[in-house]
Amino acid sequence: MKINQFINHIYWFSQFGRPKRKISSEELFVNPSLVKEPVFFLSTGRCGTEWFTHLLSKDKNTAVFHDPTPNLSTQNRFMHKLSVLGDKNNLEIAKNLLFAGREQYLRYAYKSEKSYVETNNHITFFAFALAELFPKAKFVHLYRHPGDFVTSGLNRGWFESNETATAKLITSDNEKDWGNYTTLEKIAWVWNETNSFIESFKNQYPNRSFSYDFTHRDYNNLVKLIDFLGLNIPQKTLKKALSIKKNVQKSHTFPSYPNWDDSDRKKLQTICGELSSKYQYQL
């Protein structure tokens, strides 16, 4: 075995454990449904994806990834642009991009007989392609109060100083509105646009989707979610997890939502008001 192949084998062994069966990339490409009920989280990000990664990893029969390589962030932006055009032929483009980016992960999930779970928010606009590729896949819509999401984005310098993070964000094709938006309004638009897309996806695949409000983190709904996913995590572990925080914002240059001024609240209401009401959030 060549040294590069050996190193590659060791890496994937560390990620998934000892393989129990074999499959080639070509076989998986022809029949991706062989992958055992994969789970994909759909979200804006900054809403508990790392927390869920830690929690779901408690089931040793799962392989959970929060930031796989490549993370497909720029491809996710591309898929958003295509979704605006509404051309269903774009699904074939999405399928091929997905397979190129996740081939090894999915192959080793099959080989190790583990359930593949991806909490990475940069696959959100691939949702329809994922649903077609994997007929048994399940989807989790993870969402958060828009005021908290926008505050997090402002404190991270989105659309201002943090060019690397901004390059991963979707943007509006309406140049007139977008050009007149403040940074707060741009981040609010990202929240609304992303969750609106997910809502349209859930309407098409209601039996394969589960929604979870990370702002309130209801225990009973968490139990239902774990049951929906078919995972084996003790209720004692679930209760303990609710007191744990992950990936918390450390620096705060912009005030938390309860301390926003009225003008900023009105901007958020204008962009996110309708969907916030659906999620029973007070703005």
C-alpha atoms as a PDB file:
ATOM      1  CA  MET A   1       0.000   0.000   0.000  1.00  0.00           C
ATOM      2  CA  LYS A   2       1.388   3.400  -0.978  1.00  0.00           C
ATOM      3  CA  ILE A   3       2.128   5.857   1.832  1.00  0.00           C
ATOM      4  CA  ASN A   4      -0.594   8.307   0.751  1.00  0.00           C
ATOM      5  CA  GLN A   5      -3.170   5.530   0.604  1.00  0.00           C
ATOM      6  CA  PHE A   6      -2.091   4.330   4.041  1.00  0.00           C
ATOM      7  CA  ILE A   7      -2.417   7.817   5.556  1.00  0.00           C
ATOM      8  CA  ASN A   8      -5.822   8.216   3.904  1.00  0.00           C
ATOM      9  CA  HIS A   9      -6.935   4.856   5.299  1.00  0.00           C
ATOM     10  CA  ILE A  10      -5.816   5.812   8.820  1.00  0.00           C
ATOM     11  CA  TYR A  11      -7.632   9.149   8.615  1.00  0.00           C
ATOM     12  CA  TRP A  12     -10.979   7.644   7.649  1.00  0.00           C
ATOM     13  CA  PHE A  13     -10.539   4.842  10.157  1.00  0.00           C
ATOM     14  CA  SER A  14     -10.183   7.518  12.859  1.00  0.00           C
ATOM     15  CA  GLN A  15     -13.376   9.216  11.670  1.00  0.00           C
ATOM     16  CA  PHE A  16     -15.630   6.168  11.274  1.00  0.00           C
ATOM     17  CA  GLY A  17     -13.968   3.203  12.934  1.00  0.00           C
ATOM     18  CA  ARG A  18     -13.166  -0.174  11.417  1.00  0.00           C
ATOM     19  CA  PRO A  19     -14.860  -0.850   8.056  1.00  0.00           C
ATOM     20  CA  LYS A  20     -17.253  -3.812   8.059  1.00  0.00           C
ATOM     21  CA  ARG A  21     -17.914  -4.048   4.328  1.00  0.00           C
ATOM     22  CA  LYS A  22     -16.673  -2.737   1.019  1.00  0.00           C
ATOM     23  CA  ILE A  23     -18.081  -0.431  -1.622  1.00  0.00           C
ATOM     24  CA  SER A  24     -16.477   1.516  -4.447  1.00  0.00           C
ATOM     25  CA  SER A  25     -17.096   5.156  -5.236  1.00  0.00           C
ATOM     26  CA  GLU A  26     -18.644   4.116  -8.538  1.00  0.00           C
ATOM     27  CA  GLU A  27     -21.088   1.735  -6.829  1.00  0.00           C
ATOM     28  CA  LEU A  28     -22.129   4.444  -4.400  1.00  0.00           C
ATOM     29  CA  PHE A  29     -22.581   6.976  -7.197  1.00  0.00           C
ATOM     30  CA  VAL A  30     -24.915   4.577  -9.020  1.00  0.00           C
ATOM     31  CA  ASN A  31     -26.871   3.774  -5.866  1.00  0.00           C
ATOM     32  CA  PRO A  32     -26.421   6.455  -3.169  1.00  0.00           C
ATOM     33  CA  SER A  33     -29.545   5.209  -1.383  1.00  0.00           C
ATOM     34  CA  LEU A  34     -27.347   2.435   0.060  1.00  0.00           C
ATOM     35  CA  VAL A  35     -26.270   4.955   2.711  1.00  0.00           C
ATOM     36  CA  LYS A  36     -28.257   4.216   5.864  1.00  0.00           C
ATOM     37  CA  GLU A  37     -30.856   6.971   6.539  1.00  0.00           C
ATOM     38  CA  PRO A  38     -28.528   9.997   6.540  1.00  0.00           C
ATOM     39  CA  VAL A  39     -29.555  13.090   8.490  1.00  0.00           C
ATOM     40  CA  PHE A  40     -29.006  16.633   7.273  1.00  0.00           C
ATOM     41  CA  PHE A  41     -29.527  19.805   9.314  1.00  0.00           C
ATOM     42  CA  LEU A  42     -30.899  22.815   7.447  1.00  0.00           C
ATOM     43  CA  SER A  43     -30.298  26.218   9.002  1.00  0.00           C
ATOM     44  CA  THR A  44     -28.819  29.688   8.830  1.00  0.00           C
ATOM     45  CA  GLY A  45     -25.956  28.631  11.068  1.00  0.00           C
ATOM     46  CA  ARG A  46     -25.280  30.323  14.441  1.00  0.00           C
ATOM     47  CA  CYS A  47     -28.267  28.476  15.888  1.00  0.00           C
ATOM     48  CA  GLY A  48     -26.958  25.446  17.757  1.00  0.00           C
ATOM     49  CA  THR A  49     -25.437  23.245  15.067  1.00  0.00           C
ATOM     50  CA  GLU A  50     -22.275  22.613  17.097  1.00  0.00           C
ATOM     51  CA  TRP A  51     -24.379  21.874  20.182  1.00  0.00           C
ATOM     52  CA  PHE A  52     -26.292  19.238  18.250  1.00  0.00           C
ATOM     53  CA  THR A  53     -23.063  17.806  16.847  1.00  0.00           C
ATOM     54  CA  HIS A  54     -21.845  17.194  20.386  1.00  0.00           C
ATOM     55  CA  LEU A  55     -25.187  15.734  21.511  1.00  0.00           C
ATOM     56  CA  LEU A  56     -25.838  13.393  18.589  1.00  0.00           C
ATOM     57  CA  SER A  57     -22.299  12.035  18.801  1.00  0.00           C
ATOM     58  CA  LYS A  58     -23.409  10.350  22.025  1.00  0.00           C
ATOM     59  CA  ASP A  59     -24.970   7.660  19.840  1.00  0.00           C
ATOM     60  CA  LYS A  60     -21.953   5.560  18.863  1.00  0.00           C
ATOM     61  CA  ASN A  61     -23.754   4.227  15.798  1.00  0.00           C
ATOM     62  CA  THR A  62     -23.647   7.666  14.212  1.00  0.00           C
ATOM     63  CA  ALA A  63     -20.892   9.619  12.507  1.00  0.00           C
ATOM     64  CA  VAL A  64     -21.671  13.308  13.062  1.00  0.00           C
ATOM     65  CA  PHE A  65     -19.902  16.125  11.210  1.00  0.00           C
ATOM     66  CA  HIS A  66     -20.235  19.827  11.891  1.00  0.00           C
ATOM     67  CA  ASP A  67     -17.594  21.126   9.490  1.00  0.00           C
ATOM     68  CA  PRO A  68     -16.653  18.475   6.901  1.00  0.00           C
ATOM     69  CA  THR A  69     -14.097  19.278   4.212  1.00  0.00           C
ATOM     70  CA  PRO A  70     -14.952  20.854   1.848  1.00  0.00           C
ATOM     71  CA  ASN A  71     -17.697  22.674   3.732  1.00  0.00           C
ATOM     72  CA  LEU A  72     -19.430  23.597   0.430  1.00  0.00           C
ATOM     73  CA  SER A  73     -20.058  27.178   1.564  1.00  0.00           C
ATOM     74  CA  THR A  74     -19.381  28.814  -1.806  1.00  0.00           C
ATOM     75  CA  GLN A  75     -21.286  26.038  -3.566  1.00  0.00           C
ATOM     76  CA  ASN A  76     -24.192  26.651  -1.179  1.00  0.00           C
ATOM     77  CA  ARG A  77     -24.239  30.305  -2.256  1.00  0.00           C
ATOM     78  CA  PHE A  78     -24.238  29.115  -5.866  1.00  0.00           C
ATOM     79  CA  MET A  79     -27.178  26.804  -5.204  1.00  0.00           C
ATOM     80  CA  HIS A  80     -29.084  29.700  -3.641  1.00  0.00           C
ATOM     81  CA  LYS A  81     -28.624  31.710  -6.825  1.00  0.00           C
ATOM     82  CA  LEU A  82     -29.892  28.773  -8.870  1.00  0.00           C
ATOM     83  CA  SER A  83     -32.862  28.261  -6.541  1.00  0.00           C
ATOM     84  CA  VAL A  84     -33.939  31.845  -7.237  1.00  0.00           C
ATOM     85  CA  LEU A  85     -34.072  30.958 -10.943  1.00  0.00           C
ATOM     86  CA  GLY A  86     -36.289  27.995 -10.134  1.00  0.00           C
ATOM     87  CA  ASP A  87     -34.835  25.656 -12.792  1.00  0.00           C
ATOM     88  CA  LYS A  88     -35.287  22.038 -11.679  1.00  0.00           C
ATOM     89  CA  ASN A  89     -32.499  20.955 -14.037  1.00  0.00           C
ATOM     90  CA  ASN A  90     -30.204  22.521 -11.479  1.00  0.00           C
ATOM     91  CA  LEU A  91     -30.801  19.468  -9.287  1.00  0.00           C
ATOM     92  CA  GLU A  92     -28.406  17.482 -11.450  1.00  0.00           C
ATOM     93  CA  ILE A  93     -25.719  20.105 -10.902  1.00  0.00           C
ATOM     94  CA  ALA A  94     -26.377  19.981  -7.167  1.00  0.00           C
ATOM     95  CA  LYS A  95     -26.215  16.184  -7.041  1.00  0.00           C
ATOM     96  CA  ASN A  96     -22.843  16.102  -8.720  1.00  0.00           C
ATOM     97  CA  LEU A  97     -21.445  18.861  -6.509  1.00  0.00           C
ATOM     98  CA  LEU A  98     -22.683  17.029  -3.438  1.00  0.00           C
ATOM     99  CA  PHE A  99     -21.229  13.714  -4.434  1.00  0.00           C
ATOM    100  CA  ALA A 100     -17.861  15.258  -5.228  1.00  0.00           C
ATOM    101  CA  GLY A 101     -17.772  16.947  -1.829  1.00  0.00           C
ATOM    102  CA  ARG A 102     -19.120  14.075   0.291  1.00  0.00           C
ATOM    103  CA  GLU A 103     -18.044  10.924  -1.544  1.00  0.00           C
ATOM    104  CA  GLN A 104     -15.592   9.678   1.087  1.00  0.00           C
ATOM    105  CA  TYR A 105     -17.826  10.568   4.043  1.00  0.00           C
ATOM    106  CA  LEU A 106     -20.779   8.714   2.595  1.00  0.00           C
ATOM    107  CA  ARG A 107     -18.687   5.773   1.447  1.00  0.00           C
ATOM    108  CA  TYR A 108     -17.162   5.243   4.866  1.00  0.00           C
ATOM    109  CA  ALA A 109     -20.542   5.672   6.553  1.00  0.00           C
ATOM    110  CA  TYR A 110     -21.715   2.743   4.455  1.00  0.00           C
ATOM    111  CA  LYS A 111     -18.531   0.751   5.049  1.00  0.00           C
ATOM    112  CA  SER A 112     -18.690   1.212   8.821  1.00  0.00           C
ATOM    113  CA  GLU A 113     -22.477   0.704   8.963  1.00  0.00           C
ATOM    114  CA  LYS A 114     -22.981   4.033  10.707  1.00  0.00           C
ATOM    115  CA  SER A 115     -25.640   6.672  10.241  1.00  0.00           C
ATOM    116  CA  TYR A 116     -24.210   9.767   8.583  1.00  0.00           C
ATOM    117  CA  VAL A 117     -25.283  13.051  10.215  1.00  0.00           C
ATOM    118  CA  GLU A 118     -24.249  16.474   8.929  1.00  0.00           C
ATOM    119  CA  THR A 119     -25.078  19.578  10.959  1.00  0.00           C
ATOM    120  CA  ASN A 120     -23.182  21.909   8.600  1.00  0.00           C
ATOM    121  CA  ASN A 121     -25.475  24.781   7.545  1.00  0.00           C
ATOM    122  CA  HIS A 122     -23.724  25.144   4.193  1.00  0.00           C
ATOM    123  CA  ILE A 123     -25.726  22.272   2.706  1.00  0.00           C
ATOM    124  CA  THR A 124     -29.059  24.033   3.238  1.00  0.00           C
ATOM    125  CA  PHE A 125     -29.632  25.103  -0.362  1.00  0.00           C
ATOM    126  CA  PHE A 126     -28.783  21.573  -1.496  1.00  0.00           C
ATOM    127  CA  ALA A 127     -31.874  20.283   0.349  1.00  0.00           C
ATOM    128  CA  PHE A 128     -33.950  19.288  -2.685  1.00  0.00           C
ATOM    129  CA  ALA A 129     -30.995  17.497  -4.263  1.00  0.00           C
ATOM    130  CA  LEU A 130     -30.278  15.679  -0.999  1.00  0.00           C
ATOM    131  CA  ALA A 131     -33.902  14.555  -0.764  1.00  0.00           C
ATOM    132  CA  GLU A 132     -33.743  13.055  -4.261  1.00  0.00           C
ATOM    133  CA  LEU A 133     -30.317  11.487  -3.809  1.00  0.00           C
ATOM    134  CA  PHE A 134     -31.243   9.846  -0.510  1.00  0.00           C
ATOM    135  CA  PRO A 135     -34.914   8.741  -0.448  1.00  0.00           C
ATOM    136  CA  LYS A 136     -34.582   7.684   3.211  1.00  0.00           C
ATOM    137  CA  ALA A 137     -32.766  10.814   4.381  1.00  0.00           C
ATOM    138  CA  LYS A 138     -34.233  12.861   7.222  1.00  0.00           C
ATOM    139  CA  PHE A 139     -33.962  16.614   7.660  1.00  0.00           C
ATOM    140  CA  VAL A 140     -33.862  18.827  10.731  1.00  0.00           C
ATOM    141  CA  HIS A 141     -34.836  22.483  10.428  1.00  0.00           C
ATOM    142  CA  LEU A 142     -32.936  24.264  13.172  1.00  0.00           C
ATOM    143  CA  TYR A 143     -33.868  27.889  13.779  1.00  0.00           C
ATOM    144  CA  ARG A 144     -33.303  30.719  16.234  1.00  0.00           C
ATOM    145  CA  HIS A 145     -34.838  34.102  17.109  1.00  0.00           C
ATOM    146  CA  PRO A 146     -33.838  36.525  14.309  1.00  0.00           C
ATOM    147  CA  GLY A 147     -32.751  39.197  16.800  1.00  0.00           C
ATOM    148  CA  ASP A 148     -30.233  36.814  18.350  1.00  0.00           C
ATOM    149  CA  PHE A 149     -29.041  35.637  14.936  1.00  0.00           C
ATOM    150  CA  VAL A 150     -28.562  39.194  13.676  1.00  0.00           C
ATOM    151  CA  THR A 151     -26.764  40.214  16.872  1.00  0.00           C
ATOM    152  CA  SER A 152     -24.372  37.295  16.426  1.00  0.00           C
ATOM    153  CA  GLY A 153     -23.703  38.271  12.817  1.00  0.00           C
ATOM    154  CA  LEU A 154     -23.091  41.912  13.724  1.00  0.00           C
ATOM    155  CA  ASN A 155     -20.659  40.911  16.462  1.00  0.00           C
ATOM    156  CA  ARG A 156     -18.832  38.705  13.958  1.00  0.00           C
ATOM    157  CA  GLY A 157     -18.426  41.514  11.448  1.00  0.00           C
ATOM    158  CA  TRP A 158     -20.588  40.028   8.700  1.00  0.00           C
ATOM    159  CA  PHE A 159     -20.841  42.241   5.615  1.00  0.00           C
ATOM    160  CA  GLU A 160     -18.302  44.610   7.180  1.00  0.00           C
ATOM    161  CA  SER A 161     -14.894  43.604   8.551  1.00  0.00           C
ATOM    162  CA  ASN A 162     -15.020  39.796   8.387  1.00  0.00           C
ATOM    163  CA  GLU A 163     -14.505  39.191   4.661  1.00  0.00           C
ATOM    164  CA  THR A 164     -13.933  35.441   5.045  1.00  0.00           C
ATOM    165  CA  ALA A 165     -17.237  34.903   6.855  1.00  0.00           C
ATOM    166  CA  THR A 166     -19.084  37.275   4.523  1.00  0.00           C
ATOM    167  CA  ALA A 167     -17.919  35.275   1.496  1.00  0.00           C
ATOM    168  CA  LYS A 168     -19.969  32.344   2.815  1.00  0.00           C
ATOM    169  CA  LEU A 169     -23.211  34.332   3.112  1.00  0.00           C
ATOM    170  CA  ILE A 170     -26.004  34.487   0.574  1.00  0.00           C
ATOM    171  CA  THR A 171     -26.927  37.876  -0.903  1.00  0.00           C
ATOM    172  CA  SER A 172     -29.947  39.337  -2.634  1.00  0.00           C
ATOM    173  CA  ASP A 173     -30.193  39.738  -6.405  1.00  0.00           C
ATOM    174  CA  ASN A 174     -32.247  42.886  -5.875  1.00  0.00           C
ATOM    175  CA  GLU A 175     -29.343  45.327  -6.141  1.00  0.00           C
ATOM    176  CA  LYS A 176     -31.470  48.398  -5.363  1.00  0.00           C
ATOM    177  CA  ASP A 177     -32.799  47.062  -2.054  1.00  0.00           C
ATOM    178  CA  TRP A 178     -29.541  45.379  -1.143  1.00  0.00           C
ATOM    179  CA  GLY A 179     -27.541  48.525  -1.800  1.00  0.00           C
ATOM    180  CA  ASN A 180     -29.807  50.518   0.523  1.00  0.00           C
ATOM    181  CA  TYR A 181     -29.786  47.978   3.333  1.00  0.00           C
ATOM    182  CA  THR A 182     -27.849  48.597   6.509  1.00  0.00           C
ATOM    183  CA  THR A 183     -25.659  45.742   7.764  1.00  0.00           C
ATOM    184  CA  LEU A 184     -28.360  44.811  10.256  1.00  0.00           C
ATOM    185  CA  GLU A 185     -30.939  44.576   7.486  1.00  0.00           C
ATOM    186  CA  LYS A 186     -28.643  42.437   5.316  1.00  0.00           C
ATOM    187  CA  ILE A 187     -28.187  39.894   8.100  1.00  0.00           C
ATOM    188  CA  ALA A 188     -31.923  39.965   8.824  1.00  0.00           C
ATOM    189  CA  TRP A 189     -32.533  39.261   5.130  1.00  0.00           C
ATOM    190  CA  VAL A 190     -30.211  36.219   5.325  1.00  0.00           C
ATOM    191  CA  TRP A 191     -32.280  34.873   8.241  1.00  0.00           C
ATOM    192  CA  ASN A 192     -35.568  35.386   6.425  1.00  0.00           C
ATOM    193  CA  GLU A 193     -34.415  34.148   3.024  1.00  0.00           C
ATOM    194  CA  THR A 194     -32.818  30.991   4.396  1.00  0.00           C
ATOM    195  CA  ASN A 195     -35.700  30.017   6.646  1.00  0.00           C
ATOM    196  CA  SER A 196     -38.232  30.800   3.911  1.00  0.00           C
ATOM    197  CA  PHE A 197     -36.391  28.411   1.600  1.00  0.00           C
ATOM    198  CA  ILE A 198     -36.426  25.716   4.279  1.00  0.00           C
ATOM    199  CA  GLU A 199     -40.155  26.251   4.825  1.00  0.00           C
ATOM    200  CA  SER A 200     -40.783  25.637   1.111  1.00  0.00           C
ATOM    201  CA  PHE A 201     -38.694  22.463   1.331  1.00  0.00           C
ATOM    202  CA  LYS A 202     -40.601  21.199   4.386  1.00  0.00           C
ATOM    203  CA  ASN A 203     -43.899  21.793   2.600  1.00  0.00           C
ATOM    204  CA  GLN A 204     -42.752  19.381  -0.100  1.00  0.00           C
ATOM    205  CA  TYR A 205     -41.269  16.815   2.304  1.00  0.00           C
ATOM    206  CA  PRO A 206     -43.344  17.144   5.505  1.00  0.00           C
ATOM    207  CA  ASN A 207     -42.907  13.530   6.625  1.00  0.00           C
ATOM    208  CA  ARG A 208     -39.143  13.664   6.319  1.00  0.00           C
ATOM    209  CA  SER A 209     -38.605  16.926   8.187  1.00  0.00           C
ATOM    210  CA  PHE A 210     -38.528  17.956  11.839  1.00  0.00           C
ATOM    211  CA  SER A 211     -38.351  21.526  13.160  1.00  0.00           C
ATOM    212  CA  TYR A 212     -36.527  22.518  16.319  1.00  0.00           C
ATOM    213  CA  ASP A 213     -36.521  25.953  17.944  1.00  0.00           C
ATOM    214  CA  PHE A 214     -33.055  26.398  19.435  1.00  0.00           C
ATOM    215  CA  THR A 215     -33.974  29.636  21.189  1.00  0.00           C
ATOM    216  CA  HIS A 216     -36.284  27.827  23.579  1.00  0.00           C
ATOM    217  CA  ARG A 217     -34.710  24.331  23.485  1.00  0.00           C
ATOM    218  CA  ASP A 218     -37.792  22.518  24.699  1.00  0.00           C
ATOM    219  CA  TYR A 219     -36.954  19.186  26.319  1.00  0.00           C
ATOM    220  CA  ASN A 220     -40.087  17.356  25.172  1.00  0.00           C
ATOM    221  CA  ASN A 221     -39.527  18.425  21.574  1.00  0.00           C
ATOM    222  CA  LEU A 222     -35.895  17.321  21.850  1.00  0.00           C
ATOM    223  CA  VAL A 223     -37.048  13.840  22.895  1.00  0.00           C
ATOM    224  CA  LYS A 224     -39.397  13.780  19.893  1.00  0.00           C
ATOM    225  CA  LEU A 225     -36.542  14.831  17.612  1.00  0.00           C
ATOM    226  CA  ILE A 226     -34.238  12.059  18.822  1.00  0.00           C
ATOM    227  CA  ASP A 227     -37.074   9.574  18.340  1.00  0.00           C
ATOM    228  CA  PHE A 228     -37.744  10.938  14.843  1.00  0.00           C
ATOM    229  CA  LEU A 229     -34.092  10.410  13.934  1.00  0.00           C
ATOM    230  CA  GLY A 230     -34.107   6.906  15.390  1.00  0.00           C
ATOM    231  CA  LEU A 231     -31.072   7.583  17.584  1.00  0.00           C
ATOM    232  CA  ASN A 232     -30.226   5.985  20.887  1.00  0.00           C
ATOM    233  CA  ILE A 233     -29.450   8.704  23.427  1.00  0.00           C
ATOM    234  CA  PRO A 234     -30.616   8.320  27.062  1.00  0.00           C
ATOM    235  CA  GLN A 235     -33.082  10.923  28.330  1.00  0.00           C
ATOM    236  CA  LYS A 236     -30.705  11.625  31.211  1.00  0.00           C
ATOM    237  CA  THR A 237     -28.087  12.681  28.651  1.00  0.00           C
ATOM    238  CA  LEU A 238     -30.612  14.898  26.872  1.00  0.00           C
ATOM    239  CA  LYS A 239     -31.534  16.689  30.093  1.00  0.00           C
ATOM    240  CA  LYS A 240     -27.887  17.261  30.959  1.00  0.00           C
ATOM    241  CA  ALA A 241     -27.134  18.579  27.464  1.00  0.00           C
ATOM    242  CA  LEU A 242     -29.717  21.350  27.800  1.00  0.00           C
ATOM    243  CA  SER A 243     -27.527  23.061  30.408  1.00  0.00           C
ATOM    244  CA  ILE A 244     -24.432  22.995  28.168  1.00  0.00           C
ATOM    245  CA  LYS A 245     -23.518  25.797  25.773  1.00  0.00           C
ATOM    246  CA  LYS A 246     -21.329  25.399  22.701  1.00  0.00           C
ATOM    247  CA  ASN A 247     -19.654  27.904  20.353  1.00  0.00           C
ATOM    248  CA  VAL A 248     -20.848  30.882  22.407  1.00  0.00           C
ATOM    249  CA  GLN A 249     -20.065  34.386  21.121  1.00  0.00           C
ATOM    250  CA  LYS A 250     -17.177  35.707  23.226  1.00  0.00           C
ATOM    251  CA  SER A 251     -16.878  39.310  22.054  1.00  0.00           C
ATOM    252  CA  HIS A 252     -19.848  41.694  22.061  1.00  0.00           C
ATOM    253  CA  THR A 253     -19.627  45.059  20.322  1.00  0.00           C
ATOM    254  CA  PHE A 254     -23.338  45.152  19.493  1.00  0.00           C
ATOM    255  CA  PRO A 255     -25.971  44.906  22.273  1.00  0.00           C
ATOM    256  CA  SER A 256     -28.141  41.826  22.755  1.00  0.00           C
ATOM    257  CA  TYR A 257     -31.583  41.967  21.168  1.00  0.00           C
ATOM    258  CA  PRO A 258     -33.525  43.055  24.305  1.00  0.00           C
ATOM    259  CA  ASN A 259     -31.304  46.164  24.360  1.00  0.00           C
ATOM    260  CA  TRP A 260     -31.792  47.204  20.726  1.00  0.00           C
ATOM    261  CA  ASP A 261     -33.216  50.640  20.044  1.00  0.00           C
ATOM    262  CA  ASP A 262     -36.674  50.984  18.500  1.00  0.00           C
ATOM    263  CA  SER A 263     -35.445  51.905  15.026  1.00  0.00           C
ATOM    264  CA  ASP A 264     -33.399  48.702  14.734  1.00  0.00           C
ATOM    265  CA  ARG A 265     -36.300  46.623  16.035  1.00  0.00           C
ATOM    266  CA  LYS A 266     -38.522  48.139  13.346  1.00  0.00           C
ATOM    267  CA  LYS A 267     -36.012  47.198  10.635  1.00  0.00           C
ATOM    268  CA  LEU A 268     -36.022  43.608  11.868  1.00  0.00           C
ATOM    269  CA  GLN A 269     -39.810  43.573  12.026  1.00  0.00           C
ATOM    270  CA  THR A 270     -40.083  44.791   8.430  1.00  0.00           C
ATOM    271  CA  ILE A 271     -37.907  41.996   7.058  1.00  0.00           C
ATOM    272  CA  CYS A 272     -38.534  39.098   9.458  1.00  0.00           C
ATOM    273  CA  GLY A 273     -41.942  39.892  10.956  1.00  0.00           C
ATOM    274  CA  GLU A 274     -44.126  37.431   9.067  1.00  0.00           C
ATOM    275  CA  LEU A 275     -41.891  34.398   9.573  1.00  0.00           C
ATOM    276  CA  SER A 276     -41.160  35.373  13.174  1.00  0.00           C
ATOM    277  CA  SER A 277     -44.885  35.267  13.901  1.00  0.00           C
ATOM    278  CA  LYS A 278     -45.042  31.753  12.457  1.00  0.00           C
ATOM    279  CA  TYR A 279     -42.278  30.738  14.876  1.00  0.00           C
ATOM    280  CA  GLN A 280     -44.060  32.570  17.721  1.00  0.00           C
ATOM    281  CA  TYR A 281     -41.196  35.021  18.300  1.00  0.00           C
ATOM    282  CA  GLN A 282     -41.874  38.481  19.721  1.00  0.00           C
ATOM    283  CA  LEU A 283     -40.025  41.237  17.868  1.00  0.00           C
END
